[in-house]
Amino acid sequence: MYKGKLQNGQDIATVGMPYSDRLLEFCMNQVSILVKIEHPNLAQFLGWCIEGTNVYLLYDISQNYYTTLGHLLYLSGKTSI
């Protein structure tokens, strides 16, 4: 998972995976579920895209979620999880 920023300045979390037909089918099934889920403890699903040889899932990072993600990264000493 990586932190990113949309062109409009919105902070996002993104998960990228190498493209395959099987993965794309799996992602489409997951997307149909994710768009229906709303919970205060989950980052809101924004969408997905294919860029180059990767499929990316994009999530909104609310202030509380970002703080938690940032805290986890800081404690682990990693730049990604």
PDB file of N, CA and C in Angstrom:
ATOM      1  N   MET A   1       0.857  -1.160   0.000  1.00  0.00           N
ATOM      2  CA  MET A   1       0.000   0.000   0.000  1.00  0.00           C
ATOM      3  C   MET A   1       0.906   1.227   0.000  1.00  0.00           C
ATOM      4  N   TYR A   2       0.552   2.207  -0.826  1.00  0.00           N
ATOM      5  CA  TYR A   2       1.323   3.431  -0.933  1.00  0.00           C
ATOM      6  C   TYR A   2       0.403   4.633  -0.783  1.00  0.00           C
ATOM      7  N   LYS A   3       0.957   5.711  -0.273  1.00  0.00           N
ATOM      8  CA  LYS A   3       0.222   6.966  -0.192  1.00  0.00           C
ATOM      9  C   LYS A   3       0.436   7.703  -1.504  1.00  0.00           C
ATOM     10  N   GLY A   4      -0.630   8.305  -2.014  1.00  0.00           N
ATOM     11  CA  GLY A   4      -0.549   9.070  -3.246  1.00  0.00           C
ATOM     12  C   GLY A   4      -1.415  10.309  -3.165  1.00  0.00           C
ATOM     13  N   LYS A   5      -1.452  11.043  -4.260  1.00  0.00           N
ATOM     14  CA  LYS A   5      -2.251  12.263  -4.319  1.00  0.00           C
ATOM     15  C   LYS A   5      -2.849  12.372  -5.710  1.00  0.00           C
ATOM     16  N   LEU A   6      -4.159  12.624  -5.770  1.00  0.00           N
ATOM     17  CA  LEU A   6      -4.821  12.837  -7.054  1.00  0.00           C
ATOM     18  C   LEU A   6      -4.487  14.229  -7.580  1.00  0.00           C
ATOM     19  N   GLN A   7      -4.790  14.483  -8.843  1.00  0.00           N
ATOM     20  CA  GLN A   7      -4.515  15.793  -9.435  1.00  0.00           C
ATOM     21  C   GLN A   7      -5.254  16.917  -8.727  1.00  0.00           C
ATOM     22  N   ASN A   8      -6.383  16.604  -8.090  1.00  0.00           N
ATOM     23  CA  ASN A   8      -7.143  17.636  -7.375  1.00  0.00           C
ATOM     24  C   ASN A   8      -6.615  17.868  -5.959  1.00  0.00           C
ATOM     25  N   GLY A   9      -5.542  17.169  -5.581  1.00  0.00           N
ATOM     26  CA  GLY A   9      -4.927  17.351  -4.274  1.00  0.00           C
ATOM     27  C   GLY A   9      -5.402  16.388  -3.207  1.00  0.00           C
ATOM     28  N   GLN A  10      -6.381  15.548  -3.519  1.00  0.00           N
ATOM     29  CA  GLN A  10      -6.923  14.606  -2.538  1.00  0.00           C
ATOM     30  C   GLN A  10      -5.900  13.511  -2.233  1.00  0.00           C
ATOM     31  N   ASP A  11      -5.655  13.264  -0.931  1.00  0.00           N
ATOM     32  CA  ASP A  11      -4.761  12.191  -0.517  1.00  0.00           C
ATOM     33  C   ASP A  11      -5.450  10.848  -0.691  1.00  0.00           C
ATOM     34  N   ILE A  12      -4.704   9.875  -1.206  1.00  0.00           N
ATOM     35  CA  ILE A  12      -5.254   8.538  -1.421  1.00  0.00           C
ATOM     36  C   ILE A  12      -4.253   7.484  -0.957  1.00  0.00           C
ATOM     37  N   ALA A  13      -4.759   6.289  -0.734  1.00  0.00           N
ATOM     38  CA  ALA A  13      -3.931   5.100  -0.572  1.00  0.00           C
ATOM     39  C   ALA A  13      -4.155   4.273  -1.830  1.00  0.00           C
ATOM     40  N   THR A  14      -3.096   3.675  -2.337  1.00  0.00           N
ATOM     41  CA  THR A  14      -3.226   2.879  -3.550  1.00  0.00           C
ATOM     42  C   THR A  14      -2.524   1.535  -3.383  1.00  0.00           C
ATOM     43  N   VAL A  15      -3.123   0.515  -3.949  1.00  0.00           N
ATOM     44  CA  VAL A  15      -2.564  -0.831  -3.946  1.00  0.00           C
ATOM     45  C   VAL A  15      -2.385  -1.225  -5.401  1.00  0.00           C
ATOM     46  N   GLY A  16      -1.168  -1.585  -5.794  1.00  0.00           N
ATOM     47  CA  GLY A  16      -0.890  -1.978  -7.168  1.00  0.00           C
ATOM     48  C   GLY A  16      -0.488  -3.439  -7.256  1.00  0.00           C
ATOM     49  N   MET A  17      -0.965  -4.107  -8.309  1.00  0.00           N
ATOM     50  CA  MET A  17      -0.656  -5.515  -8.524  1.00  0.00           C
ATOM     51  C   MET A  17      -0.382  -5.729 -10.008  1.00  0.00           C
ATOM     52  N   PRO A  18       0.526  -6.652 -10.356  1.00  0.00           N
ATOM     53  CA  PRO A  18       0.787  -6.927 -11.771  1.00  0.00           C
ATOM     54  C   PRO A  18      -0.478  -7.398 -12.485  1.00  0.00           C
ATOM     55  N   TYR A  19      -0.698  -6.866 -13.677  1.00  0.00           N
ATOM     56  CA  TYR A  19      -1.899  -7.168 -14.459  1.00  0.00           C
ATOM     57  C   TYR A  19      -1.890  -8.608 -14.946  1.00  0.00           C
ATOM     58  N   SER A  20      -3.047  -9.241 -14.859  1.00  0.00           N
ATOM     59  CA  SER A  20      -3.317 -10.519 -15.530  1.00  0.00           C
ATOM     60  C   SER A  20      -4.825 -10.577 -15.743  1.00  0.00           C
ATOM     61  N   ASP A  21      -5.268 -11.372 -16.706  1.00  0.00           N
ATOM     62  CA  ASP A  21      -6.709 -11.501 -16.948  1.00  0.00           C
ATOM     63  C   ASP A  21      -7.421 -12.036 -15.706  1.00  0.00           C
ATOM     64  N   ARG A  22      -6.785 -12.977 -15.035  1.00  0.00           N
ATOM     65  CA  ARG A  22      -7.379 -13.552 -13.820  1.00  0.00           C
ATOM     66  C   ARG A  22      -7.486 -12.496 -12.715  1.00  0.00           C
ATOM     67  N   LEU A  23      -6.432 -11.695 -12.545  1.00  0.00           N
ATOM     68  CA  LEU A  23      -6.462 -10.635 -11.533  1.00  0.00           C
ATOM     69  C   LEU A  23      -7.527  -9.604 -11.872  1.00  0.00           C
ATOM     70  N   LEU A  24      -7.646  -9.243 -13.134  1.00  0.00           N
ATOM     71  CA  LEU A  24      -8.650  -8.261 -13.538  1.00  0.00           C
ATOM     72  C   LEU A  24     -10.053  -8.767 -13.212  1.00  0.00           C
ATOM     73  N   GLU A  25     -10.319 -10.036 -13.482  1.00  0.00           N
ATOM     74  CA  GLU A  25     -11.627 -10.613 -13.149  1.00  0.00           C
ATOM     75  C   GLU A  25     -11.857 -10.572 -11.634  1.00  0.00           C
ATOM     76  N   PHE A  26     -10.834 -10.919 -10.862  1.00  0.00           N
ATOM     77  CA  PHE A  26     -10.934 -10.869  -9.404  1.00  0.00           C
ATOM     78  C   PHE A  26     -11.200  -9.438  -8.932  1.00  0.00           C
ATOM     79  N   CYS A  27     -10.460  -8.476  -9.483  1.00  0.00           N
ATOM     80  CA  CYS A  27     -10.637  -7.071  -9.091  1.00  0.00           C
ATOM     81  C   CYS A  27     -12.038  -6.572  -9.417  1.00  0.00           C
ATOM     82  N   MET A  28     -12.561  -6.936 -10.563  1.00  0.00           N
ATOM     83  CA  MET A  28     -13.903  -6.499 -10.932  1.00  0.00           C
ATOM     84  C   MET A  28     -14.934  -7.042  -9.942  1.00  0.00           C
ATOM     85  N   ASN A  29     -14.757  -8.283  -9.498  1.00  0.00           N
ATOM     86  CA  ASN A  29     -15.653  -8.853  -8.488  1.00  0.00           C
ATOM     87  C   ASN A  29     -15.517  -8.107  -7.166  1.00  0.00           C
ATOM     88  N   GLN A  30     -14.282  -7.801  -6.774  1.00  0.00           N
ATOM     89  CA  GLN A  30     -14.052  -7.070  -5.529  1.00  0.00           C
ATOM     90  C   GLN A  30     -14.620  -5.659  -5.604  1.00  0.00           C
ATOM     91  N   VAL A  31     -14.454  -5.004  -6.746  1.00  0.00           N
ATOM     92  CA  VAL A  31     -14.968  -3.643  -6.926  1.00  0.00           C
ATOM     93  C   VAL A  31     -16.477  -3.625  -6.752  1.00  0.00           C
ATOM     94  N   SER A  32     -17.166  -4.635  -7.287  1.00  0.00           N
ATOM     95  CA  SER A  32     -18.629  -4.670  -7.157  1.00  0.00           C
ATOM     96  C   SER A  32     -19.049  -4.765  -5.691  1.00  0.00           C
ATOM     97  N   ILE A  33     -18.196  -5.328  -4.845  1.00  0.00           N
ATOM     98  CA  ILE A  33     -18.471  -5.388  -3.404  1.00  0.00           C
ATOM     99  C   ILE A  33     -18.041  -4.095  -2.721  1.00  0.00           C
ATOM    100  N   LEU A  34     -16.849  -3.607  -3.038  1.00  0.00           N
ATOM    101  CA  LEU A  34     -16.284  -2.436  -2.363  1.00  0.00           C
ATOM    102  C   LEU A  34     -17.126  -1.176  -2.528  1.00  0.00           C
ATOM    103  N   VAL A  35     -17.758  -1.010  -3.683  1.00  0.00           N
ATOM    104  CA  VAL A  35     -18.551   0.207  -3.903  1.00  0.00           C
ATOM    105  C   VAL A  35     -19.789   0.244  -3.017  1.00  0.00           C
ATOM    106  N   LYS A  36     -20.169  -0.894  -2.457  1.00  0.00           N
ATOM    107  CA  LYS A  36     -21.355  -0.963  -1.604  1.00  0.00           C
ATOM    108  C   LYS A  36     -21.027  -0.817  -0.116  1.00  0.00           C
ATOM    109  N   ILE A  37     -19.751  -0.892   0.248  1.00  0.00           N
ATOM    110  CA  ILE A  37     -19.359  -0.886   1.660  1.00  0.00           C
ATOM    111  C   ILE A  37     -19.086   0.532   2.140  1.00  0.00           C
ATOM    112  N   GLU A  38     -19.721   0.897   3.247  1.00  0.00           N
ATOM    113  CA  GLU A  38     -19.435   2.157   3.926  1.00  0.00           C
ATOM    114  C   GLU A  38     -19.323   1.854   5.410  1.00  0.00           C
ATOM    115  N   HIS A  39     -18.163   2.147   5.990  1.00  0.00           N
ATOM    116  CA  HIS A  39     -17.943   1.918   7.419  1.00  0.00           C
ATOM    117  C   HIS A  39     -16.922   2.947   7.899  1.00  0.00           C
ATOM    118  N   PRO A  40     -17.125   3.529   9.085  1.00  0.00           N
ATOM    119  CA  PRO A  40     -16.217   4.578   9.562  1.00  0.00           C
ATOM    120  C   PRO A  40     -14.783   4.108   9.792  1.00  0.00           C
ATOM    121  N   ASN A  41     -14.549   2.809   9.950  1.00  0.00           N
ATOM    122  CA  ASN A  41     -13.198   2.301  10.185  1.00  0.00           C
ATOM    123  C   ASN A  41     -12.503   1.826   8.914  1.00  0.00           C
ATOM    124  N   LEU A  42     -13.159   1.977   7.770  1.00  0.00           N
ATOM    125  CA  LEU A  42     -12.575   1.547   6.502  1.00  0.00           C
ATOM    126  C   LEU A  42     -12.375   2.735   5.579  1.00  0.00           C
ATOM    127  N   ALA A  43     -11.258   2.721   4.873  1.00  0.00           N
ATOM    128  CA  ALA A  43     -11.030   3.753   3.861  1.00  0.00           C
ATOM    129  C   ALA A  43     -12.030   3.544   2.728  1.00  0.00           C
ATOM    130  N   GLN A  44     -12.617   4.627   2.241  1.00  0.00           N
ATOM    131  CA  GLN A  44     -13.625   4.538   1.184  1.00  0.00           C
ATOM    132  C   GLN A  44     -12.960   4.217  -0.146  1.00  0.00           C
ATOM    133  N   PHE A  45     -13.502   3.234  -0.840  1.00  0.00           N
ATOM    134  CA  PHE A  45     -13.013   2.860  -2.162  1.00  0.00           C
ATOM    135  C   PHE A  45     -13.393   3.945  -3.156  1.00  0.00           C
ATOM    136  N   LEU A  46     -12.403   4.432  -3.926  1.00  0.00           N
ATOM    137  CA  LEU A  46     -12.653   5.485  -4.918  1.00  0.00           C
ATOM    138  C   LEU A  46     -12.758   4.948  -6.337  1.00  0.00           C
ATOM    139  N   GLY A  47     -11.974   3.926  -6.652  1.00  0.00           N
ATOM    140  CA  GLY A  47     -11.992   3.412  -8.011  1.00  0.00           C
ATOM    141  C   GLY A  47     -10.754   2.584  -8.301  1.00  0.00           C
ATOM    142  N   TRP A  48     -10.568   2.284  -9.566  1.00  0.00           N
ATOM    143  CA  TRP A  48      -9.436   1.481  -9.983  1.00  0.00           C
ATOM    144  C   TRP A  48      -8.964   1.940 -11.348  1.00  0.00           C
ATOM    145  N   CYS A  49      -7.755   1.540 -11.707  1.00  0.00           N
ATOM    146  CA  CYS A  49      -7.240   1.873 -13.036  1.00  0.00           C
ATOM    147  C   CYS A  49      -6.173   0.858 -13.417  1.00  0.00           C
ATOM    148  N   ILE A  50      -5.886   0.818 -14.698  1.00  0.00           N
ATOM    149  CA  ILE A  50      -4.787   0.015 -15.216  1.00  0.00           C
ATOM    150  C   ILE A  50      -3.782   1.001 -15.788  1.00  0.00           C
ATOM    151  N   GLU A  51      -2.544   0.894 -15.317  1.00  0.00           N
ATOM    152  CA  GLU A  51      -1.485   1.746 -15.847  1.00  0.00           C
ATOM    153  C   GLU A  51      -0.264   0.872 -16.099  1.00  0.00           C
ATOM    154  N   GLY A  52       0.209   0.892 -17.328  1.00  0.00           N
ATOM    155  CA  GLY A  52       1.330   0.034 -17.677  1.00  0.00           C
ATOM    156  C   GLY A  52       0.940  -1.424 -17.512  1.00  0.00           C
ATOM    157  N   THR A  53       1.706  -2.143 -16.706  1.00  0.00           N
ATOM    158  CA  THR A  53       1.433  -3.563 -16.483  1.00  0.00           C
ATOM    159  C   THR A  53       0.828  -3.826 -15.105  1.00  0.00           C
ATOM    160  N   ASN A  54       0.274  -2.785 -14.469  1.00  0.00           N
ATOM    161  CA  ASN A  54      -0.290  -2.929 -13.124  1.00  0.00           C
ATOM    162  C   ASN A  54      -1.751  -2.513 -13.055  1.00  0.00           C
ATOM    163  N   VAL A  55      -2.478  -3.157 -12.144  1.00  0.00           N
ATOM    164  CA  VAL A  55      -3.847  -2.774 -11.788  1.00  0.00           C
ATOM    165  C   VAL A  55      -3.759  -2.087 -10.428  1.00  0.00           C
ATOM    166  N   TYR A  56      -4.399  -0.917 -10.284  1.00  0.00           N
ATOM    167  CA  TYR A  56      -4.357  -0.165  -9.030  1.00  0.00           C
ATOM    168  C   TYR A  56      -5.760   0.019  -8.474  1.00  0.00           C
ATOM    169  N   LEU A  57      -5.901  -0.209  -7.173  1.00  0.00           N
ATOM    170  CA  LEU A  57      -7.126   0.102  -6.449  1.00  0.00           C
ATOM    171  C   LEU A  57      -6.853   1.365  -5.648  1.00  0.00           C
ATOM    172  N   LEU A  58      -7.790   2.317  -5.678  1.00  0.00           N
ATOM    173  CA  LEU A  58      -7.596   3.620  -5.040  1.00  0.00           C
ATOM    174  C   LEU A  58      -8.587   3.806  -3.902  1.00  0.00           C
ATOM    175  N   TYR A  59      -8.080   4.271  -2.763  1.00  0.00           N
ATOM    176  CA  TYR A  59      -8.899   4.479  -1.571  1.00  0.00           C
ATOM    177  C   TYR A  59      -8.704   5.889  -1.043  1.00  0.00           C
ATOM    178  N   ASP A  60      -9.787   6.491  -0.556  1.00  0.00           N
ATOM    179  CA  ASP A  60      -9.739   7.795   0.092  1.00  0.00           C
ATOM    180  C   ASP A  60      -9.055   7.642   1.445  1.00  0.00           C
ATOM    181  N   ILE A  61      -8.210   8.594   1.791  1.00  0.00           N
ATOM    182  CA  ILE A  61      -7.576   8.580   3.105  1.00  0.00           C
ATOM    183  C   ILE A  61      -8.176   9.704   3.926  1.00  0.00           C
ATOM    184  N   SER A  62      -9.038   9.344   4.856  1.00  0.00           N
ATOM    185  CA  SER A  62      -9.575  10.352   5.774  1.00  0.00           C
ATOM    186  C   SER A  62      -8.478  10.713   6.766  1.00  0.00           C
ATOM    187  N   GLN A  63      -8.648  11.801   7.479  1.00  0.00           N
ATOM    188  CA  GLN A  63      -7.616  12.247   8.417  1.00  0.00           C
ATOM    189  C   GLN A  63      -7.282  11.159   9.437  1.00  0.00           C
ATOM    190  N   ASN A  64      -8.280  10.512  10.020  1.00  0.00           N
ATOM    191  CA  ASN A  64      -8.013   9.483  11.025  1.00  0.00           C
ATOM    192  C   ASN A  64      -7.290   8.287  10.422  1.00  0.00           C
ATOM    193  N   TYR A  65      -7.696   7.886   9.221  1.00  0.00           N
ATOM    194  CA  TYR A  65      -7.048   6.745   8.582  1.00  0.00           C
ATOM    195  C   TYR A  65      -5.607   7.078   8.257  1.00  0.00           C
ATOM    196  N   TYR A  66      -5.361   8.270   7.734  1.00  0.00           N
ATOM    197  CA  TYR A  66      -4.008   8.679   7.372  1.00  0.00           C
ATOM    198  C   TYR A  66      -3.116   8.693   8.603  1.00  0.00           C
ATOM    199  N   THR A  67      -3.623   9.220   9.717  1.00  0.00           N
ATOM    200  CA  THR A  67      -2.839   9.253  10.938  1.00  0.00           C
ATOM    201  C   THR A  67      -2.460   7.833  11.356  1.00  0.00           C
ATOM    202  N   THR A  68      -3.394   6.924  11.291  1.00  0.00           N
ATOM    203  CA  THR A  68      -3.123   5.542  11.665  1.00  0.00           C
ATOM    204  C   THR A  68      -2.108   4.917  10.714  1.00  0.00           C
ATOM    205  N   LEU A  69      -2.282   5.099   9.408  1.00  0.00           N
ATOM    206  CA  LEU A  69      -1.350   4.556   8.431  1.00  0.00           C
ATOM    207  C   LEU A  69       0.025   5.173   8.625  1.00  0.00           C
ATOM    208  N   GLY A  70       0.074   6.496   8.791  1.00  0.00           N
ATOM    209  CA  GLY A  70       1.344   7.171   9.019  1.00  0.00           C
ATOM    210  C   GLY A  70       2.024   6.683  10.282  1.00  0.00           C
ATOM    211  N   HIS A  71       1.256   6.478  11.320  1.00  0.00           N
ATOM    212  CA  HIS A  71       1.803   5.995  12.582  1.00  0.00           C
ATOM    213  C   HIS A  71       2.393   4.598  12.405  1.00  0.00           C
ATOM    214  N   LEU A  72       1.679   3.730  11.704  1.00  0.00           N
ATOM    215  CA  LEU A  72       2.186   2.377  11.466  1.00  0.00           C
ATOM    216  C   LEU A  72       3.480   2.400  10.661  1.00  0.00           C
ATOM    217  N   LEU A  73       3.533   3.228   9.640  1.00  0.00           N
ATOM    218  CA  LEU A  73       4.740   3.314   8.822  1.00  0.00           C
ATOM    219  C   LEU A  73       5.902   3.860   9.634  1.00  0.00           C
ATOM    220  N   TYR A  74       5.637   4.869  10.453  1.00  0.00           N
ATOM    221  CA  TYR A  74       6.683   5.466  11.282  1.00  0.00           C
ATOM    222  C   TYR A  74       7.233   4.431  12.259  1.00  0.00           C
ATOM    223  N   LEU A  75       6.342   3.708  12.933  1.00  0.00           N
ATOM    224  CA  LEU A  75       6.775   2.725  13.925  1.00  0.00           C
ATOM    225  C   LEU A  75       7.574   1.592  13.295  1.00  0.00           C
ATOM    226  N   SER A  76       7.199   1.194  12.085  1.00  0.00           N
ATOM    227  CA  SER A  76       7.884   0.077  11.440  1.00  0.00           C
ATOM    228  C   SER A  76       9.176   0.514  10.756  1.00  0.00           C
ATOM    229  N   GLY A  77       9.333   1.825  10.527  1.00  0.00           N
ATOM    230  CA  GLY A  77      10.512   2.312   9.831  1.00  0.00           C
ATOM    231  C   GLY A  77      10.465   2.064   8.339  1.00  0.00           C
ATOM    232  N   LYS A  78       9.305   1.651   7.827  1.00  0.00           N
ATOM    233  CA  LYS A  78       9.156   1.358   6.403  1.00  0.00           C
ATOM    234  C   LYS A  78       8.516   2.538   5.684  1.00  0.00           C
ATOM    235  N   THR A  79       8.687   2.565   4.370  1.00  0.00           N
ATOM    236  CA  THR A  79       8.010   3.577   3.565  1.00  0.00           C
ATOM    237  C   THR A  79       6.769   3.017   2.895  1.00  0.00           C
ATOM    238  N   SER A  80       6.544   1.706   3.017  1.00  0.00           N
ATOM    239  CA  SER A  80       5.333   1.090   2.473  1.00  0.00           C
ATOM    240  C   SER A  80       5.010  -0.145   3.296  1.00  0.00           C
ATOM    241  N   ILE A  81       3.741  -0.572   3.224  1.00  0.00           N
ATOM    242  CA  ILE A  81       3.349  -1.798   3.920  1.00  0.00           C
ATOM    243  C   ILE A  81       2.698  -2.743   2.946  1.00  0.00           C
TER     244      ILE A  81
END
